[in-house]
Amino acid sequence: MTKRLKQAIERVRALPEARQDEIAEMLLDLTGRDAMRAGLTEEQWSEIRRRMATPREYASDAEVEAFFKREGR
């Protein structure tokens, strides 16, 4: 454990339990995101970024409604 993290933990210990729980949830969220990210390769992340950078064209509400009317639904 780093010196900085030890200092932070000491400060958290002095807080009320409810606040400690809030901070614990934030830490769990942060470490959970790291674990999720570790599940993908850099190549996979690159592909996700590439696809997100190129917006897709979706059917409008009117087009979807027209489709279902033509299909009798």
PDB file of N, CA and C in Angstrom:
ATOM      1  N   MET A   1       0.850  -1.168   0.000  1.00  0.00           N
ATOM      2  CA  MET A   1       0.000   0.000   0.000  1.00  0.00           C
ATOM      3  C   MET A   1       0.900   1.236   0.000  1.00  0.00           C
ATOM      4  N   THR A   2       0.516   2.203  -0.799  1.00  0.00           N
ATOM      5  CA  THR A   2       1.322   3.419  -0.890  1.00  0.00           C
ATOM      6  C   THR A   2       1.087   4.316   0.325  1.00  0.00           C
ATOM      7  N   LYS A   3       2.016   5.220   0.538  1.00  0.00           N
ATOM      8  CA  LYS A   3       1.909   6.169   1.646  1.00  0.00           C
ATOM      9  C   LYS A   3       0.660   7.038   1.482  1.00  0.00           C
ATOM     10  N   ARG A   4       0.417   7.456   0.258  1.00  0.00           N
ATOM     11  CA  ARG A   4      -0.742   8.322  -0.027  1.00  0.00           C
ATOM     12  C   ARG A   4      -2.052   7.599   0.276  1.00  0.00           C
ATOM     13  N   LEU A   5      -2.143   6.325  -0.098  1.00  0.00           N
ATOM     14  CA  LEU A   5      -3.359   5.561   0.170  1.00  0.00           C
ATOM     15  C   LEU A   5      -3.545   5.368   1.672  1.00  0.00           C
ATOM     16  N   LYS A   6      -2.456   5.120   2.398  1.00  0.00           N
ATOM     17  CA  LYS A   6      -2.545   4.988   3.860  1.00  0.00           C
ATOM     18  C   LYS A   6      -3.085   6.267   4.490  1.00  0.00           C
ATOM     19  N   GLN A   7      -2.633   7.424   3.990  1.00  0.00           N
ATOM     20  CA  GLN A   7      -3.121   8.700   4.506  1.00  0.00           C
ATOM     21  C   GLN A   7      -4.623   8.843   4.255  1.00  0.00           C
ATOM     22  N   ALA A   8      -5.041   8.466   3.073  1.00  0.00           N
ATOM     23  CA  ALA A   8      -6.460   8.574   2.725  1.00  0.00           C
ATOM     24  C   ALA A   8      -7.301   7.663   3.618  1.00  0.00           C
ATOM     25  N   ILE A   9      -6.827   6.464   3.850  1.00  0.00           N
ATOM     26  CA  ILE A   9      -7.574   5.515   4.687  1.00  0.00           C
ATOM     27  C   ILE A   9      -7.683   6.038   6.114  1.00  0.00           C
ATOM     28  N   GLU A  10      -6.635   6.627   6.622  1.00  0.00           N
ATOM     29  CA  GLU A  10      -6.684   7.205   7.969  1.00  0.00           C
ATOM     30  C   GLU A  10      -7.737   8.304   8.054  1.00  0.00           C
ATOM     31  N   ARG A  11      -7.842   9.124   7.026  1.00  0.00           N
ATOM     32  CA  ARG A  11      -8.861  10.177   7.016  1.00  0.00           C
ATOM     33  C   ARG A  11     -10.258   9.576   6.979  1.00  0.00           C
ATOM     34  N   VAL A  12     -10.420   8.541   6.175  1.00  0.00           N
ATOM     35  CA  VAL A  12     -11.735   7.903   6.052  1.00  0.00           C
ATOM     36  C   VAL A  12     -12.148   7.271   7.383  1.00  0.00           C
ATOM     37  N   ARG A  13     -11.222   6.693   8.097  1.00  0.00           N
ATOM     38  CA  ARG A  13     -11.529   6.074   9.394  1.00  0.00           C
ATOM     39  C   ARG A  13     -12.124   7.064  10.385  1.00  0.00           C
ATOM     40  N   ALA A  14     -11.788   8.332  10.247  1.00  0.00           N
ATOM     41  CA  ALA A  14     -12.277   9.354  11.167  1.00  0.00           C
ATOM     42  C   ALA A  14     -13.695   9.827  10.819  1.00  0.00           C
ATOM     43  N   LEU A  15     -14.213   9.414   9.693  1.00  0.00           N
ATOM     44  CA  LEU A  15     -15.537   9.842   9.243  1.00  0.00           C
ATOM     45  C   LEU A  15     -16.631   8.966   9.836  1.00  0.00           C
ATOM     46  N   PRO A  16     -17.869   9.465   9.844  1.00  0.00           N
ATOM     47  CA  PRO A  16     -19.006   8.626  10.284  1.00  0.00           C
ATOM     48  C   PRO A  16     -19.161   7.404   9.366  1.00  0.00           C
ATOM     49  N   GLU A  17     -19.753   6.348   9.913  1.00  0.00           N
ATOM     50  CA  GLU A  17     -19.889   5.089   9.164  1.00  0.00           C
ATOM     51  C   GLU A  17     -20.607   5.264   7.834  1.00  0.00           C
ATOM     52  N   ALA A  18     -21.646   6.071   7.807  1.00  0.00           N
ATOM     53  CA  ALA A  18     -22.402   6.255   6.561  1.00  0.00           C
ATOM     54  C   ALA A  18     -21.503   6.832   5.474  1.00  0.00           C
ATOM     55  N   ARG A  19     -20.675   7.795   5.856  1.00  0.00           N
ATOM     56  CA  ARG A  19     -19.754   8.399   4.878  1.00  0.00           C
ATOM     57  C   ARG A  19     -18.689   7.392   4.460  1.00  0.00           C
ATOM     58  N   GLN A  20     -18.231   6.565   5.403  1.00  0.00           N
ATOM     59  CA  GLN A  20     -17.255   5.524   5.070  1.00  0.00           C
ATOM     60  C   GLN A  20     -17.830   4.568   4.030  1.00  0.00           C
ATOM     61  N   ASP A  21     -19.112   4.218   4.203  1.00  0.00           N
ATOM     62  CA  ASP A  21     -19.760   3.320   3.240  1.00  0.00           C
ATOM     63  C   ASP A  21     -19.853   3.953   1.853  1.00  0.00           C
ATOM     64  N   GLU A  22     -20.149   5.253   1.801  1.00  0.00           N
ATOM     65  CA  GLU A  22     -20.205   5.947   0.510  1.00  0.00           C
ATOM     66  C   GLU A  22     -18.854   5.890  -0.192  1.00  0.00           C
ATOM     67  N   ILE A  23     -17.804   6.137   0.562  1.00  0.00           N
ATOM     68  CA  ILE A  23     -16.455   6.119  -0.012  1.00  0.00           C
ATOM     69  C   ILE A  23     -16.080   4.701  -0.427  1.00  0.00           C
ATOM     70  N   ALA A  24     -16.476   3.724   0.377  1.00  0.00           N
ATOM     71  CA  ALA A  24     -16.204   2.326   0.026  1.00  0.00           C
ATOM     72  C   ALA A  24     -16.870   1.960  -1.297  1.00  0.00           C
ATOM     73  N   GLU A  25     -18.106   2.426  -1.498  1.00  0.00           N
ATOM     74  CA  GLU A  25     -18.808   2.155  -2.758  1.00  0.00           C
ATOM     75  C   GLU A  25     -18.075   2.775  -3.941  1.00  0.00           C
ATOM     76  N   MET A  26     -17.575   3.991  -3.748  1.00  0.00           N
ATOM     77  CA  MET A  26     -16.824   4.639  -4.829  1.00  0.00           C
ATOM     78  C   MET A  26     -15.561   3.839  -5.167  1.00  0.00           C
ATOM     79  N   LEU A  27     -14.867   3.378  -4.145  1.00  0.00           N
ATOM     80  CA  LEU A  27     -13.653   2.584  -4.378  1.00  0.00           C
ATOM     81  C   LEU A  27     -13.985   1.266  -5.084  1.00  0.00           C
ATOM     82  N   LEU A  28     -15.066   0.634  -4.660  1.00  0.00           N
ATOM     83  CA  LEU A  28     -15.476  -0.621  -5.303  1.00  0.00           C
ATOM     84  C   LEU A  28     -15.841  -0.385  -6.765  1.00  0.00           C
ATOM     85  N   ASP A  29     -16.509   0.723  -7.044  1.00  0.00           N
ATOM     86  CA  ASP A  29     -16.841   1.053  -8.428  1.00  0.00           C
ATOM     87  C   ASP A  29     -15.573   1.240  -9.256  1.00  0.00           C
ATOM     88  N   LEU A  30     -14.635   1.993  -8.703  1.00  0.00           N
ATOM     89  CA  LEU A  30     -13.383   2.245  -9.427  1.00  0.00           C
ATOM     90  C   LEU A  30     -12.612   0.955  -9.686  1.00  0.00           C
ATOM     91  N   THR A  31     -12.482   0.127  -8.682  1.00  0.00           N
ATOM     92  CA  THR A  31     -11.720  -1.113  -8.871  1.00  0.00           C
ATOM     93  C   THR A  31     -12.484  -2.093  -9.751  1.00  0.00           C
ATOM     94  N   GLY A  32     -13.807  -2.029  -9.727  1.00  0.00           N
ATOM     95  CA  GLY A  32     -14.609  -2.876 -10.606  1.00  0.00           C
ATOM     96  C   GLY A  32     -14.425  -2.506 -12.059  1.00  0.00           C
ATOM     97  N   ARG A  33     -14.321  -1.205 -12.338  1.00  0.00           N
ATOM     98  CA  ARG A  33     -14.097  -0.757 -13.714  1.00  0.00           C
ATOM     99  C   ARG A  33     -12.756  -1.255 -14.223  1.00  0.00           C
ATOM    100  N   ASP A  34     -11.752  -1.236 -13.375  1.00  0.00           N
ATOM    101  CA  ASP A  34     -10.440  -1.744 -13.781  1.00  0.00           C
ATOM    102  C   ASP A  34     -10.522  -3.230 -14.107  1.00  0.00           C
ATOM    103  N   ALA A  35     -11.273  -3.967 -13.318  1.00  0.00           N
ATOM    104  CA  ALA A  35     -11.409  -5.409 -13.562  1.00  0.00           C
ATOM    105  C   ALA A  35     -12.145  -5.665 -14.870  1.00  0.00           C
ATOM    106  N   MET A  36     -13.183  -4.851 -15.143  1.00  0.00           N
ATOM    107  CA  MET A  36     -13.919  -5.023 -16.397  1.00  0.00           C
ATOM    108  C   MET A  36     -13.019  -4.712 -17.579  1.00  0.00           C
ATOM    109  N   ARG A  37     -12.252  -3.663 -17.466  1.00  0.00           N
ATOM    110  CA  ARG A  37     -11.378  -3.262 -18.566  1.00  0.00           C
ATOM    111  C   ARG A  37     -10.320  -4.329 -18.825  1.00  0.00           C
ATOM    112  N   ALA A  38      -9.869  -4.982 -17.772  1.00  0.00           N
ATOM    113  CA  ALA A  38      -8.834  -6.001 -17.915  1.00  0.00           C
ATOM    114  C   ALA A  38      -9.337  -7.188 -18.734  1.00  0.00           C
ATOM    115  N   GLY A  39     -10.667  -7.325 -18.858  1.00  0.00           N
ATOM    116  CA  GLY A  39     -11.221  -8.451 -19.583  1.00  0.00           C
ATOM    117  C   GLY A  39     -11.113  -8.338 -21.095  1.00  0.00           C
ATOM    118  N   LEU A  40     -10.796  -7.154 -21.619  1.00  0.00           N
ATOM    119  CA  LEU A  40     -10.687  -6.960 -23.058  1.00  0.00           C
ATOM    120  C   LEU A  40      -9.241  -6.676 -23.438  1.00  0.00           C
ATOM    121  N   THR A  41      -8.880  -7.127 -24.609  1.00  0.00           N
ATOM    122  CA  THR A  41      -7.534  -6.839 -25.106  1.00  0.00           C
ATOM    123  C   THR A  41      -7.489  -5.412 -25.637  1.00  0.00           C
ATOM    124  N   GLU A  42      -6.308  -4.889 -25.835  1.00  0.00           N
ATOM    125  CA  GLU A  42      -6.180  -3.544 -26.396  1.00  0.00           C
ATOM    126  C   GLU A  42      -6.768  -3.496 -27.807  1.00  0.00           C
ATOM    127  N   GLU A  43      -6.621  -4.582 -28.533  1.00  0.00           N
ATOM    128  CA  GLU A  43      -7.201  -4.657 -29.881  1.00  0.00           C
ATOM    129  C   GLU A  43      -8.724  -4.531 -29.817  1.00  0.00           C
ATOM    130  N   GLN A  44      -9.337  -5.193 -28.842  1.00  0.00           N
ATOM    131  CA  GLN A  44     -10.788  -5.109 -28.683  1.00  0.00           C
ATOM    132  C   GLN A  44     -11.220  -3.692 -28.293  1.00  0.00           C
ATOM    133  N   TRP A  45     -10.468  -3.061 -27.379  1.00  0.00           N
ATOM    134  CA  TRP A  45     -10.777  -1.688 -27.010  1.00  0.00           C
ATOM    135  C   TRP A  45     -10.641  -0.760 -28.213  1.00  0.00           C
ATOM    136  N   SER A  46      -9.631  -0.980 -29.032  1.00  0.00           N
ATOM    137  CA  SER A  46      -9.437  -0.157 -30.232  1.00  0.00           C
ATOM    138  C   SER A  46     -10.631  -0.286 -31.169  1.00  0.00           C
ATOM    139  N   GLU A  47     -11.122  -1.498 -31.314  1.00  0.00           N
ATOM    140  CA  GLU A  47     -12.285  -1.726 -32.172  1.00  0.00           C
ATOM    141  C   GLU A  47     -13.522  -1.026 -31.608  1.00  0.00           C
ATOM    142  N   ILE A  48     -13.706  -1.077 -30.310  1.00  0.00           N
ATOM    143  CA  ILE A  48     -14.837  -0.394 -29.682  1.00  0.00           C
ATOM    144  C   ILE A  48     -14.737   1.110 -29.919  1.00  0.00           C
ATOM    145  N   ARG A  49     -13.556   1.679 -29.716  1.00  0.00           N
ATOM    146  CA  ARG A  49     -13.371   3.117 -29.938  1.00  0.00           C
ATOM    147  C   ARG A  49     -13.622   3.479 -31.397  1.00  0.00           C
ATOM    148  N   ARG A  50     -13.153   2.641 -32.318  1.00  0.00           N
ATOM    149  CA  ARG A  50     -13.352   2.893 -33.743  1.00  0.00           C
ATOM    150  C   ARG A  50     -14.839   2.911 -34.078  1.00  0.00           C
ATOM    151  N   ARG A  51     -15.558   1.921 -33.588  1.00  0.00           N
ATOM    152  CA  ARG A  51     -16.990   1.849 -33.891  1.00  0.00           C
ATOM    153  C   ARG A  51     -17.783   2.979 -33.254  1.00  0.00           C
ATOM    154  N   MET A  52     -17.393   3.389 -32.064  1.00  0.00           N
ATOM    155  CA  MET A  52     -18.096   4.480 -31.396  1.00  0.00           C
ATOM    156  C   MET A  52     -17.820   5.819 -32.075  1.00  0.00           C
ATOM    157  N   ALA A  53     -16.692   5.935 -32.741  1.00  0.00           N
ATOM    158  CA  ALA A  53     -16.342   7.186 -33.419  1.00  0.00           C
ATOM    159  C   ALA A  53     -17.118   7.364 -34.717  1.00  0.00           C
ATOM    160  N   THR A  54     -17.656   6.274 -35.249  1.00  0.00           N
ATOM    161  CA  THR A  54     -18.408   6.321 -36.497  1.00  0.00           C
ATOM    162  C   THR A  54     -19.882   6.085 -36.186  1.00  0.00           C
ATOM    163  N   PRO A  55     -20.665   7.156 -36.121  1.00  0.00           N
ATOM    164  CA  PRO A  55     -22.077   6.990 -35.777  1.00  0.00           C
ATOM    165  C   PRO A  55     -22.822   6.177 -36.830  1.00  0.00           C
ATOM    166  N   ARG A  56     -23.733   5.364 -36.365  1.00  0.00           N
ATOM    167  CA  ARG A  56     -24.569   4.568 -37.269  1.00  0.00           C
ATOM    168  C   ARG A  56     -25.860   5.316 -37.548  1.00  0.00           C
ATOM    169  N   GLU A  57     -26.435   5.010 -38.705  1.00  0.00           N
ATOM    170  CA  GLU A  57     -27.725   5.580 -39.045  1.00  0.00           C
ATOM    171  C   GLU A  57     -28.802   4.582 -38.652  1.00  0.00           C
ATOM    172  N   TYR A  58     -29.754   5.050 -37.894  1.00  0.00           N
ATOM    173  CA  TYR A  58     -30.858   4.204 -37.459  1.00  0.00           C
ATOM    174  C   TYR A  58     -32.142   4.694 -38.105  1.00  0.00           C
ATOM    175  N   ALA A  59     -33.108   3.800 -38.159  1.00  0.00           N
ATOM    176  CA  ALA A  59     -34.412   4.175 -38.697  1.00  0.00           C
ATOM    177  C   ALA A  59     -35.075   5.167 -37.756  1.00  0.00           C
ATOM    178  N   SER A  60     -35.783   6.109 -38.344  1.00  0.00           N
ATOM    179  CA  SER A  60     -36.517   7.087 -37.533  1.00  0.00           C
ATOM    180  C   SER A  60     -37.752   6.402 -36.955  1.00  0.00           C
ATOM    181  N   ASP A  61     -38.378   7.066 -35.993  1.00  0.00           N
ATOM    182  CA  ASP A  61     -39.614   6.528 -35.420  1.00  0.00           C
ATOM    183  C   ASP A  61     -40.670   6.326 -36.501  1.00  0.00           C
ATOM    184  N   ALA A  62     -40.766   7.285 -37.428  1.00  0.00           N
ATOM    185  CA  ALA A  62     -41.758   7.204 -38.508  1.00  0.00           C
ATOM    186  C   ALA A  62     -41.473   6.007 -39.408  1.00  0.00           C
ATOM    187  N   GLU A  63     -40.198   5.747 -39.708  1.00  0.00           N
ATOM    188  CA  GLU A  63     -39.840   4.599 -40.550  1.00  0.00           C
ATOM    189  C   GLU A  63     -40.164   3.276 -39.860  1.00  0.00           C
ATOM    190  N   VAL A  64     -39.923   3.212 -38.580  1.00  0.00           N
ATOM    191  CA  VAL A  64     -40.241   1.989 -37.828  1.00  0.00           C
ATOM    192  C   VAL A  64     -41.744   1.774 -37.800  1.00  0.00           C
ATOM    193  N   GLU A  65     -42.471   2.832 -37.534  1.00  0.00           N
ATOM    194  CA  GLU A  65     -43.930   2.741 -37.510  1.00  0.00           C
ATOM    195  C   GLU A  65     -44.472   2.299 -38.870  1.00  0.00           C
ATOM    196  N   ALA A  66     -43.945   2.861 -39.955  1.00  0.00           N
ATOM    197  CA  ALA A  66     -44.379   2.480 -41.305  1.00  0.00           C
ATOM    198  C   ALA A  66     -44.069   1.013 -41.574  1.00  0.00           C
ATOM    199  N   PHE A  67     -42.931   0.543 -41.136  1.00  0.00           N
ATOM    200  CA  PHE A  67     -42.561  -0.860 -41.322  1.00  0.00           C
ATOM    201  C   PHE A  67     -43.590  -1.769 -40.660  1.00  0.00           C
ATOM    202  N   PHE A  68     -43.920  -1.485 -39.408  1.00  0.00           N
ATOM    203  CA  PHE A  68     -44.870  -2.340 -38.702  1.00  0.00           C
ATOM    204  C   PHE A  68     -46.269  -2.264 -39.305  1.00  0.00           C
ATOM    205  N   LYS A  69     -46.649  -1.098 -39.831  1.00  0.00           N
ATOM    206  CA  LYS A  69     -47.946  -1.001 -40.505  1.00  0.00           C
ATOM    207  C   LYS A  69     -47.970  -1.865 -41.744  1.00  0.00           C
ATOM    208  N   ARG A  70     -46.873  -1.836 -42.539  1.00  0.00           N
ATOM    209  CA  ARG A  70     -46.791  -2.672 -43.748  1.00  0.00           C
ATOM    210  C   ARG A  70     -46.832  -4.146 -43.387  1.00  0.00           C
ATOM    211  N   GLU A  71     -46.252  -4.501 -42.273  1.00  0.00           N
ATOM    212  CA  GLU A  71     -46.224  -5.919 -41.847  1.00  0.00           C
ATOM    213  C   GLU A  71     -47.493  -6.343 -41.140  1.00  0.00           C
ATOM    214  N   GLY A  72     -48.400  -5.402 -40.928  1.00  0.00           N
ATOM    215  CA  GLY A  72     -49.678  -5.724 -40.287  1.00  0.00           C
ATOM    216  C   GLY A  72     -49.538  -5.979 -38.800  1.00  0.00           C
ATOM    217  N   ARG A  73     -48.639  -5.331 -38.181  1.00  0.00           N
ATOM    218  CA  ARG A  73     -48.445  -5.546 -36.729  1.00  0.00           C
ATOM    219  C   ARG A  73     -48.845  -4.346 -35.945  1.00  0.00           C
TER     220      ARG A  73
END
